[in-house]
Amino acid sequence: MSQISKNDISQLDEASQVELLKFVESENAKAKLQSSIHMFTDMCFKKCVPTITTGSVSPAESTCLANCVDRFLDTNIFVVNKISKSMQK
């Protein structure tokens, strides 16, 4: 697969450039989301399942994982809302 140069992009019409920019932004957002999911999954799994003794997760470990992920998401939403409000001022 060859790389696209700035020259290639500059040869596109304006509508295509805007569409390409939106596509790249969307893909970057997906990559960030995937990275966050991987990070909190890893963090919560290490916290809630310290040792793997069976082929399944115990009810207590399952509850811990659900609570951990919920708190992580709540915290992220809180931070995003605070940042958003401070930017609007």
N, C-alpha and C. Protein backbone atom coordinates (compact mmCIF):
# COMPACT_ATOMS: atom_id res chain seq x y z
N MET A 1 0.85 -1.18 0.00
CA MET A 1 0.00 0.00 0.00
C MET A 1 0.90 1.24 0.00
N SER A 2 0.67 2.13 -0.91
CA SER A 2 1.49 3.33 -1.00
C SER A 2 0.93 4.43 -0.11
N GLN A 3 1.78 5.36 0.28
CA GLN A 3 1.36 6.46 1.13
C GLN A 3 0.88 7.62 0.27
N ILE A 4 -0.01 8.40 0.85
CA ILE A 4 -0.54 9.57 0.17
C ILE A 4 0.27 10.78 0.60
N SER A 5 0.74 11.54 -0.36
CA SER A 5 1.55 12.72 -0.04
C SER A 5 0.66 13.95 0.04
N LYS A 6 1.21 15.02 0.60
CA LYS A 6 0.48 16.29 0.66
C LYS A 6 0.16 16.78 -0.75
N ASN A 7 1.05 16.50 -1.68
CA ASN A 7 0.82 16.89 -3.06
C ASN A 7 -0.40 16.18 -3.63
N ASP A 8 -0.54 14.89 -3.30
CA ASP A 8 -1.71 14.13 -3.76
C ASP A 8 -2.99 14.75 -3.22
N ILE A 9 -2.97 15.12 -1.94
CA ILE A 9 -4.15 15.69 -1.31
C ILE A 9 -4.47 17.06 -1.91
N SER A 10 -3.45 17.85 -2.18
CA SER A 10 -3.68 19.19 -2.73
C SER A 10 -4.29 19.14 -4.13
N GLN A 11 -4.15 18.00 -4.81
CA GLN A 11 -4.72 17.86 -6.14
C GLN A 11 -6.21 17.51 -6.11
N LEU A 12 -6.72 17.18 -4.93
CA LEU A 12 -8.14 16.88 -4.79
C LEU A 12 -8.95 18.17 -4.78
N ASP A 13 -10.20 18.09 -5.22
CA ASP A 13 -11.06 19.27 -5.12
C ASP A 13 -11.41 19.51 -3.65
N GLU A 14 -11.93 20.69 -3.36
CA GLU A 14 -12.17 21.08 -1.97
C GLU A 14 -13.12 20.13 -1.26
N ALA A 15 -14.17 19.71 -1.92
CA ALA A 15 -15.15 18.80 -1.30
C ALA A 15 -14.48 17.47 -0.94
N SER A 16 -13.61 16.98 -1.80
CA SER A 16 -12.91 15.72 -1.52
C SER A 16 -11.93 15.89 -0.37
N GLN A 17 -11.27 17.04 -0.30
CA GLN A 17 -10.35 17.31 0.81
C GLN A 17 -11.10 17.32 2.14
N VAL A 18 -12.27 17.96 2.16
CA VAL A 18 -13.08 18.03 3.37
C VAL A 18 -13.53 16.62 3.75
N GLU A 19 -13.98 15.84 2.78
CA GLU A 19 -14.42 14.47 3.05
C GLU A 19 -13.27 13.63 3.59
N LEU A 20 -12.09 13.78 3.01
CA LEU A 20 -10.91 13.05 3.47
C LEU A 20 -10.55 13.45 4.89
N LEU A 21 -10.60 14.73 5.20
CA LEU A 21 -10.30 15.22 6.54
C LEU A 21 -11.28 14.65 7.55
N LYS A 22 -12.56 14.64 7.21
CA LYS A 22 -13.57 14.07 8.11
C LYS A 22 -13.32 12.58 8.33
N PHE A 23 -12.95 11.88 7.27
CA PHE A 23 -12.66 10.45 7.38
C PHE A 23 -11.48 10.21 8.32
N VAL A 24 -10.41 10.99 8.15
CA VAL A 24 -9.22 10.83 8.99
C VAL A 24 -9.55 11.15 10.44
N GLU A 25 -10.31 12.21 10.68
CA GLU A 25 -10.71 12.56 12.04
C GLU A 25 -11.55 11.44 12.66
N SER A 26 -12.44 10.87 11.88
CA SER A 26 -13.28 9.77 12.37
C SER A 26 -12.42 8.56 12.72
N GLU A 27 -11.46 8.23 11.89
CA GLU A 27 -10.58 7.09 12.15
C GLU A 27 -9.71 7.35 13.38
N ASN A 28 -9.25 8.58 13.55
CA ASN A 28 -8.47 8.93 14.74
C ASN A 28 -9.31 8.80 16.00
N ALA A 29 -10.56 9.23 15.94
CA ALA A 29 -11.46 9.10 17.08
C ALA A 29 -11.69 7.63 17.42
N LYS A 30 -11.87 6.80 16.40
CA LYS A 30 -12.05 5.36 16.63
C LYS A 30 -10.81 4.75 17.27
N ALA A 31 -9.64 5.17 16.80
CA ALA A 31 -8.38 4.64 17.36
C ALA A 31 -8.23 5.05 18.83
N LYS A 32 -8.57 6.29 19.15
CA LYS A 32 -8.49 6.76 20.54
C LYS A 32 -9.46 5.99 21.42
N LEU A 33 -10.68 5.77 20.93
CA LEU A 33 -11.66 5.02 21.69
C LEU A 33 -11.18 3.59 21.92
N GLN A 34 -10.66 2.96 20.88
CA GLN A 34 -10.15 1.60 21.01
C GLN A 34 -9.01 1.54 22.01
N SER A 35 -8.14 2.52 21.99
CA SER A 35 -7.02 2.58 22.92
C SER A 35 -7.52 2.72 24.36
N SER A 36 -8.52 3.58 24.56
CA SER A 36 -9.09 3.76 25.90
C SER A 36 -9.74 2.48 26.39
N ILE A 37 -10.48 1.82 25.51
CA ILE A 37 -11.13 0.56 25.89
C ILE A 37 -10.08 -0.46 26.30
N HIS A 38 -9.02 -0.55 25.51
CA HIS A 38 -7.95 -1.51 25.83
C HIS A 38 -7.33 -1.16 27.18
N MET A 39 -7.08 0.12 27.42
CA MET A 39 -6.43 0.55 28.66
C MET A 39 -7.29 0.22 29.87
N PHE A 40 -8.59 0.60 29.86
CA PHE A 40 -9.37 0.34 31.05
C PHE A 40 -9.73 -1.12 31.20
N THR A 41 -9.83 -1.85 30.11
CA THR A 41 -10.05 -3.30 30.22
C THR A 41 -8.85 -3.95 30.90
N ASP A 42 -7.66 -3.58 30.48
CA ASP A 42 -6.44 -4.12 31.07
C ASP A 42 -6.35 -3.74 32.55
N MET A 43 -6.59 -2.47 32.85
CA MET A 43 -6.51 -1.98 34.22
C MET A 43 -7.52 -2.70 35.12
N CYS A 44 -8.76 -2.78 34.67
CA CYS A 44 -9.80 -3.41 35.48
C CYS A 44 -9.56 -4.92 35.62
N PHE A 45 -9.11 -5.56 34.57
CA PHE A 45 -8.86 -7.00 34.65
C PHE A 45 -7.75 -7.28 35.66
N LYS A 46 -6.68 -6.49 35.61
CA LYS A 46 -5.58 -6.69 36.56
C LYS A 46 -6.05 -6.44 37.99
N LYS A 47 -6.95 -5.47 38.19
CA LYS A 47 -7.45 -5.15 39.52
C LYS A 47 -8.40 -6.23 40.04
N CYS A 48 -9.28 -6.71 39.18
CA CYS A 48 -10.37 -7.58 39.62
C CYS A 48 -10.08 -9.08 39.49
N VAL A 49 -9.14 -9.43 38.63
CA VAL A 49 -8.82 -10.85 38.43
C VAL A 49 -7.31 -11.01 38.65
N PRO A 50 -6.88 -11.00 39.91
CA PRO A 50 -5.44 -11.03 40.19
C PRO A 50 -4.76 -12.33 39.75
N THR A 51 -5.48 -13.43 39.84
CA THR A 51 -4.93 -14.70 39.37
C THR A 51 -6.02 -15.45 38.62
N ILE A 52 -5.60 -16.16 37.61
CA ILE A 52 -6.54 -16.96 36.83
C ILE A 52 -6.43 -18.39 37.33
N THR A 53 -7.50 -18.85 37.97
CA THR A 53 -7.48 -20.20 38.54
C THR A 53 -8.37 -21.15 37.77
N THR A 54 -9.36 -20.60 37.06
CA THR A 54 -10.27 -21.45 36.28
C THR A 54 -10.41 -20.84 34.89
N GLY A 55 -11.21 -21.48 34.09
CA GLY A 55 -11.43 -20.97 32.74
C GLY A 55 -12.52 -19.93 32.66
N SER A 56 -13.06 -19.52 33.80
CA SER A 56 -14.12 -18.53 33.78
C SER A 56 -13.92 -17.51 34.89
N VAL A 57 -14.67 -16.43 34.80
CA VAL A 57 -14.61 -15.35 35.79
C VAL A 57 -15.66 -15.64 36.86
N SER A 58 -15.27 -15.49 38.12
CA SER A 58 -16.21 -15.73 39.22
C SER A 58 -17.25 -14.61 39.28
N PRO A 59 -18.36 -14.85 39.95
CA PRO A 59 -19.37 -13.78 40.10
C PRO A 59 -18.80 -12.52 40.77
N ALA A 60 -17.95 -12.69 41.77
CA ALA A 60 -17.34 -11.53 42.45
C ALA A 60 -16.43 -10.77 41.49
N GLU A 61 -15.65 -11.50 40.70
CA GLU A 61 -14.76 -10.86 39.72
C GLU A 61 -15.58 -10.14 38.65
N SER A 62 -16.67 -10.76 38.23
CA SER A 62 -17.54 -10.15 37.23
C SER A 62 -18.14 -8.84 37.74
N THR A 63 -18.60 -8.85 38.98
CA THR A 63 -19.14 -7.63 39.60
C THR A 63 -18.07 -6.56 39.70
N CYS A 64 -16.89 -6.96 40.13
CA CYS A 64 -15.78 -6.01 40.24
C CYS A 64 -15.46 -5.40 38.88
N LEU A 65 -15.40 -6.23 37.84
CA LEU A 65 -15.11 -5.73 36.49
C LEU A 65 -16.17 -4.73 36.03
N ALA A 66 -17.43 -5.06 36.23
CA ALA A 66 -18.52 -4.16 35.83
C ALA A 66 -18.43 -2.83 36.57
N ASN A 67 -18.20 -2.88 37.89
CA ASN A 67 -18.08 -1.65 38.68
C ASN A 67 -16.87 -0.83 38.26
N CYS A 68 -15.76 -1.49 38.01
CA CYS A 68 -14.53 -0.80 37.60
C CYS A 68 -14.75 -0.06 36.28
N VAL A 69 -15.32 -0.76 35.32
CA VAL A 69 -15.56 -0.13 34.01
C VAL A 69 -16.56 1.02 34.16
N ASP A 70 -17.61 0.81 34.93
CA ASP A 70 -18.60 1.88 35.13
C ASP A 70 -17.96 3.12 35.76
N ARG A 71 -17.12 2.94 36.78
CA ARG A 71 -16.47 4.09 37.43
C ARG A 71 -15.51 4.78 36.47
N PHE A 72 -14.80 3.99 35.66
CA PHE A 72 -13.87 4.56 34.69
C PHE A 72 -14.64 5.42 33.69
N LEU A 73 -15.75 4.90 33.19
CA LEU A 73 -16.55 5.66 32.23
C LEU A 73 -17.16 6.89 32.88
N ASP A 74 -17.69 6.74 34.10
CA ASP A 74 -18.25 7.90 34.82
C ASP A 74 -17.21 9.00 34.98
N THR A 75 -16.01 8.61 35.34
CA THR A 75 -14.92 9.58 35.54
C THR A 75 -14.57 10.28 34.23
N ASN A 76 -14.47 9.51 33.16
CA ASN A 76 -14.15 10.11 31.86
C ASN A 76 -15.23 11.07 31.40
N ILE A 77 -16.49 10.70 31.58
CA ILE A 77 -17.60 11.58 31.20
C ILE A 77 -17.56 12.85 32.04
N PHE A 78 -17.29 12.72 33.33
CA PHE A 78 -17.20 13.89 34.22
C PHE A 78 -16.10 14.84 33.74
N VAL A 79 -14.93 14.28 33.45
CA VAL A 79 -13.79 15.11 33.01
C VAL A 79 -14.11 15.79 31.68
N VAL A 80 -14.67 15.06 30.74
CA VAL A 80 -15.01 15.65 29.43
C VAL A 80 -16.02 16.77 29.61
N ASN A 81 -17.02 16.57 30.44
CA ASN A 81 -18.02 17.62 30.69
C ASN A 81 -17.38 18.85 31.33
N LYS A 82 -16.49 18.67 32.30
CA LYS A 82 -15.81 19.81 32.93
C LYS A 82 -14.97 20.57 31.91
N ILE A 83 -14.24 19.85 31.10
CA ILE A 83 -13.41 20.49 30.07
C ILE A 83 -14.29 21.25 29.09
N SER A 84 -15.37 20.62 28.67
CA SER A 84 -16.30 21.25 27.74
C SER A 84 -16.87 22.54 28.31
N LYS A 85 -17.28 22.50 29.59
CA LYS A 85 -17.84 23.70 30.23
C LYS A 85 -16.79 24.80 30.38
N SER A 86 -15.55 24.41 30.70
CA SER A 86 -14.52 25.43 30.88
C SER A 86 -14.15 26.05 29.53
N MET A 87 -14.28 25.33 28.45
CA MET A 87 -13.97 25.87 27.12
C MET A 87 -15.06 26.81 26.64
N GLN A 88 -16.28 26.64 27.14
CA GLN A 88 -17.40 27.49 26.74
C GLN A 88 -17.38 28.85 27.42
N LYS A 89 -16.62 28.97 28.48
CA LYS A 89 -16.57 30.24 29.25
C LYS A 89 -15.77 31.26 28.54
